[in-house]
Amino acid sequence: MTMHSKTKKSYYRRLYVAYLIDSGVNTVPLLIETTDMPKRTLQDTLAALAELDILLESEGGTKNLTYQISNWGAINKKWIKNNLQHVKNVLQLA
């Protein structure tokens, strides 16, 4: 099994979460259910998307908050879709 650096895992985690949001998994409960991340890790990941110039917009109140990606910056979302299994493998997801 290949070991991946914390930096790579963090980067791929951000890409994966952005991809999920763009695919309609766009609420905290759905993201937690899909990724099995602790809530705090997910919150940190959402906040860190701006570091990649991925613009995240939120809509709604605290109980019905949804997210959407308004700009991917320099990230190629087609690459994520085409390499989704690799991203999941690095993150050790099914």
Protein backbone atom coordinates (compact mmCIF):
# COMPACT_ATOMS: atom_id res chain seq x y z
CA MET A 1 0.00 0.00 0.00
CA THR A 2 1.33 3.42 -0.96
CA MET A 3 1.74 5.97 1.80
CA HIS A 4 0.73 9.50 0.94
CA SER A 5 1.83 12.70 2.65
CA LYS A 6 -0.47 14.73 4.88
CA THR A 7 -0.21 17.56 2.37
CA LYS A 8 -1.44 15.37 -0.49
CA LYS A 9 -4.27 13.95 1.61
CA SER A 10 -5.33 17.44 2.69
CA TYR A 11 -5.28 18.68 -0.91
CA TYR A 12 -7.26 15.71 -2.17
CA ARG A 13 -9.73 16.03 0.72
CA ARG A 14 -10.44 19.60 -0.38
CA LEU A 15 -10.85 18.56 -4.00
CA TYR A 16 -13.17 15.71 -3.03
CA VAL A 17 -15.38 17.91 -0.86
CA ALA A 18 -15.59 20.55 -3.60
CA TYR A 19 -16.48 17.85 -6.13
CA LEU A 20 -19.21 16.50 -3.83
CA ILE A 21 -20.69 19.97 -3.34
CA ASP A 22 -20.69 20.55 -7.09
CA SER A 23 -22.41 17.15 -7.51
CA GLY A 24 -25.29 18.03 -5.18
CA VAL A 25 -23.96 16.68 -1.89
CA ASN A 26 -24.10 20.23 -0.60
CA THR A 27 -25.16 20.26 3.05
CA VAL A 28 -23.11 19.52 6.14
CA PRO A 29 -25.20 16.45 7.08
CA LEU A 30 -24.91 15.00 3.56
CA LEU A 31 -21.17 15.71 3.41
CA ILE A 32 -20.59 14.08 6.80
CA GLU A 33 -22.65 11.05 5.77
CA THR A 34 -20.86 10.71 2.43
CA THR A 35 -17.30 11.34 3.62
CA ASP A 36 -17.52 10.00 7.18
CA MET A 37 -15.49 13.04 8.29
CA PRO A 38 -15.85 14.49 11.75
CA LYS A 39 -17.83 17.73 11.65
CA ARG A 40 -14.83 19.83 12.70
CA THR A 41 -12.62 18.35 9.94
CA LEU A 42 -15.35 19.09 7.41
CA GLN A 43 -15.70 22.68 8.65
CA ASP A 44 -11.93 23.16 8.39
CA THR A 45 -11.95 21.68 4.89
CA LEU A 46 -14.77 23.98 3.76
CA ALA A 47 -12.92 26.99 5.14
CA ALA A 48 -9.70 25.90 3.41
CA LEU A 49 -11.23 25.76 -0.08
CA ALA A 50 -10.52 29.47 -0.48
CA GLU A 51 -6.78 28.69 -0.17
CA LEU A 52 -7.13 26.85 -3.50
CA ASP A 53 -9.13 29.76 -4.97
CA ILE A 54 -12.24 27.60 -4.99
CA LEU A 55 -15.06 30.01 -4.19
CA LEU A 56 -17.72 28.51 -1.97
CA GLU A 57 -21.06 30.23 -1.55
CA SER A 58 -23.63 29.39 1.09
CA GLU A 59 -27.35 29.96 1.10
CA GLY A 60 -30.03 29.50 3.71
CA GLY A 61 -30.07 29.57 7.49
CA THR A 62 -28.31 27.43 10.03
CA LYS A 63 -30.78 24.56 9.73
CA ASN A 64 -31.04 24.51 5.93
CA LEU A 65 -27.62 25.79 4.85
CA THR A 66 -26.52 24.66 1.41
CA TYR A 67 -23.27 25.25 -0.43
CA GLN A 68 -22.35 25.70 -4.05
CA ILE A 69 -19.09 26.23 -5.89
CA SER A 70 -19.22 29.52 -7.78
CA ASN A 71 -15.66 29.39 -9.15
CA TRP A 72 -13.10 26.60 -9.37
CA GLY A 73 -10.15 28.95 -9.82
CA ALA A 74 -7.22 27.05 -11.36
CA ILE A 75 -8.63 23.64 -10.42
CA ASN A 76 -9.85 21.43 -13.28
CA LYS A 77 -13.01 19.79 -11.96
CA LYS A 78 -13.01 17.38 -14.93
CA TRP A 79 -9.70 15.98 -13.66
CA ILE A 80 -11.33 15.24 -10.30
CA LYS A 81 -14.26 13.50 -11.96
CA ASN A 82 -11.95 11.48 -14.23
CA ASN A 83 -9.66 10.54 -11.31
CA LEU A 84 -12.26 10.17 -8.58
CA GLN A 85 -11.26 6.62 -7.68
CA HIS A 86 -7.62 7.66 -7.34
CA VAL A 87 -8.65 10.56 -5.07
CA LYS A 88 -10.72 8.15 -2.96
CA ASN A 89 -7.83 5.68 -2.81
CA VAL A 90 -5.47 8.38 -1.51
CA LEU A 91 -8.07 9.30 1.10
CA GLN A 92 -8.57 5.60 1.86
CA LEU A 93 -12.27 5.74 1.03
CA ALA A 94 -14.25 2.91 -0.56
